[in-house]
Protein backbone atom coordinates (compact mmCIF):
# COMPACT_ATOMS: atom_id res chain seq x y z
CA MET A 1 0.00 0.00 0.00
CA THR A 2 1.12 3.52 -0.57
CA THR A 3 1.25 6.42 1.84
CA ARG A 4 -0.12 9.94 1.80
CA PRO A 5 2.22 12.64 0.50
CA ASP A 6 1.69 14.87 3.56
CA SER A 7 5.04 14.93 5.37
CA ASP A 8 3.44 16.02 8.67
CA ARG A 9 1.24 12.96 8.87
CA PRO A 10 2.37 9.44 9.74
CA PRO A 11 2.23 6.99 6.84
CA LEU A 12 -1.11 5.26 6.36
CA ASP A 13 0.82 2.03 5.85
CA GLU A 14 1.27 1.71 9.59
CA ALA A 15 -2.45 2.07 10.25
CA LYS A 16 -3.39 -0.29 7.40
CA ARG A 17 -0.89 -3.03 8.16
CA GLY A 18 -2.72 -6.33 8.32
CA SER A 19 -5.79 -5.06 6.50
CA ALA A 20 -4.71 -6.49 3.14
CA GLU A 21 -5.83 -10.02 3.95
CA LEU A 22 -9.22 -8.84 5.23
CA LEU A 23 -9.80 -6.78 2.09
CA ILE A 24 -8.77 -9.58 -0.27
CA LEU A 25 -10.92 -12.14 1.56
CA ALA A 26 -13.92 -9.80 1.50
CA LEU A 27 -13.60 -9.25 -2.25
CA ALA A 28 -13.08 -12.96 -2.93
CA GLU A 29 -16.25 -13.64 -0.92
CA GLU A 30 -18.20 -11.75 -3.60
CA GLY A 31 -17.02 -14.14 -6.33
CA ASP A 32 -14.04 -15.15 -8.44
CA ILE A 33 -11.70 -12.20 -8.94
CA HIS A 34 -8.25 -11.74 -10.47
CA GLY A 35 -5.34 -9.91 -8.87
CA TYR A 36 -5.44 -6.72 -10.91
CA ASP A 37 -9.16 -6.37 -10.27
CA ILE A 38 -8.59 -6.86 -6.53
CA ALA A 39 -6.18 -3.91 -6.54
CA ARG A 40 -8.56 -1.81 -8.64
CA GLN A 41 -11.59 -2.59 -6.45
CA ILE A 42 -9.73 -1.75 -3.24
CA GLU A 43 -8.56 1.57 -4.67
CA THR A 44 -11.98 2.44 -6.12
CA ARG A 45 -14.05 1.47 -3.09
CA SER A 46 -11.71 3.26 -0.70
CA GLY A 47 -11.86 6.46 -2.76
CA GLY A 48 -8.16 6.13 -3.52
CA THR A 49 -7.12 5.99 0.14
CA LEU A 50 -6.00 2.36 -0.05
CA GLN A 51 -3.64 1.37 -2.84
CA PHE A 52 -1.52 -1.72 -3.33
CA THR A 53 1.52 -2.20 -5.48
CA LEU A 54 0.95 -5.26 -7.62
CA ALA A 55 4.12 -6.85 -6.25
CA SER A 56 2.92 -6.65 -2.64
CA LEU A 57 -0.60 -7.71 -3.62
CA TYR A 58 0.59 -10.83 -5.45
CA ALA A 59 2.93 -11.75 -2.60
CA THR A 60 -0.06 -11.58 -0.25
CA LEU A 61 -2.23 -13.61 -2.65
CA TYR A 62 0.41 -16.35 -2.92
CA ARG A 63 0.78 -16.47 0.87
CA MET A 64 -3.00 -16.67 1.35
CA GLU A 65 -3.26 -19.41 -1.26
CA ALA A 66 -0.50 -21.41 0.48
CA ARG A 67 -2.47 -21.12 3.74
CA GLY A 68 -5.57 -22.48 2.00
CA TRP A 69 -7.65 -19.32 2.46
CA ILE A 70 -8.14 -18.78 -1.28
CA ARG A 71 -7.79 -21.01 -4.31
CA GLY A 72 -6.49 -19.71 -7.61
CA ARG A 73 -7.07 -21.06 -11.11
CA TRP A 74 -5.88 -19.89 -14.48
CA ILE A 75 -8.54 -18.83 -16.98
CA GLU A 76 -8.01 -17.93 -20.61
CA LYS A 77 -10.61 -15.89 -22.47
CA ALA A 78 -10.60 -15.22 -26.19
CA GLY A 79 -8.73 -12.04 -27.01
CA GLN A 80 -7.45 -11.62 -23.46
CA ARG A 81 -4.32 -12.67 -21.66
CA ARG A 82 -4.44 -15.56 -19.24
CA ARG A 83 -5.42 -14.49 -15.69
CA ARG A 84 -5.41 -16.20 -12.33
CA TYR A 85 -8.79 -15.91 -10.62
CA TYR A 86 -9.10 -16.40 -6.88
CA ARG A 87 -11.98 -17.91 -4.96
CA LEU A 88 -12.59 -18.00 -1.22
CA THR A 89 -12.30 -21.44 0.42
CA GLU A 90 -14.22 -22.66 3.48
CA THR A 91 -11.11 -22.03 5.57
CA GLY A 92 -10.99 -18.54 4.09
CA ARG A 93 -14.63 -17.96 5.08
CA ARG A 94 -13.82 -18.80 8.69
CA VAL A 95 -10.72 -16.58 8.64
CA LEU A 96 -12.76 -13.73 7.12
CA ALA A 97 -15.43 -14.01 9.82
CA ALA A 98 -12.78 -13.92 12.55
CA GLN A 99 -10.94 -11.00 10.95
CA ARG A 100 -14.18 -9.03 10.60
CA GLU A 101 -14.84 -9.47 14.31
CA ASP A 102 -11.27 -8.46 15.19
CA TRP A 103 -11.33 -5.38 12.95
CA ALA A 104 -14.74 -4.30 14.27
CA GLN A 105 -13.29 -4.35 17.78
CA VAL A 106 -10.15 -2.45 16.73
CA VAL A 107 -12.11 0.21 14.83
CA ALA A 108 -14.53 0.66 17.74
CA ALA A 109 -11.64 0.94 20.21
CA LEU A 110 -9.83 3.48 18.03
CA GLY A 111 -13.02 5.48 17.79
CA ARG A 112 -13.49 5.49 21.56
CA VAL A 113 -9.92 6.50 22.29
CA ALA A 114 -9.42 9.02 19.47
CA GLY A 115 -12.92 10.47 19.58
CA VAL A 116 -13.75 9.45 16.02
CA ARG A 117 -17.47 9.13 15.29
CA PHE A 118 -18.61 6.82 12.52
CA ALA A 119 -21.69 7.38 10.41
């Protein structure tokens, strides 16, 4: 993920560390998705706040696949290059549920301490 250009602010990377797996699992829950589209969806849905380099994204995808959280398969479509699509596994569903609970607690705690109100 990239950081904000403001030199007076701490990098967003520190605050977002660990969120990559949650975001990828949540997108894979919606259906088969390829790596580039994962990066694009995260950037679009976050209004540009969250961005991944493709190198870091693919390293995370490979690690998650090795853990059995997602399963990838190569698909070739006419007139397009071959792409690896990822699908959430049952293990991944359980991990996603646990991560959602953990993040909900962290976000709520940050809000209480920092005085942030959520809509």
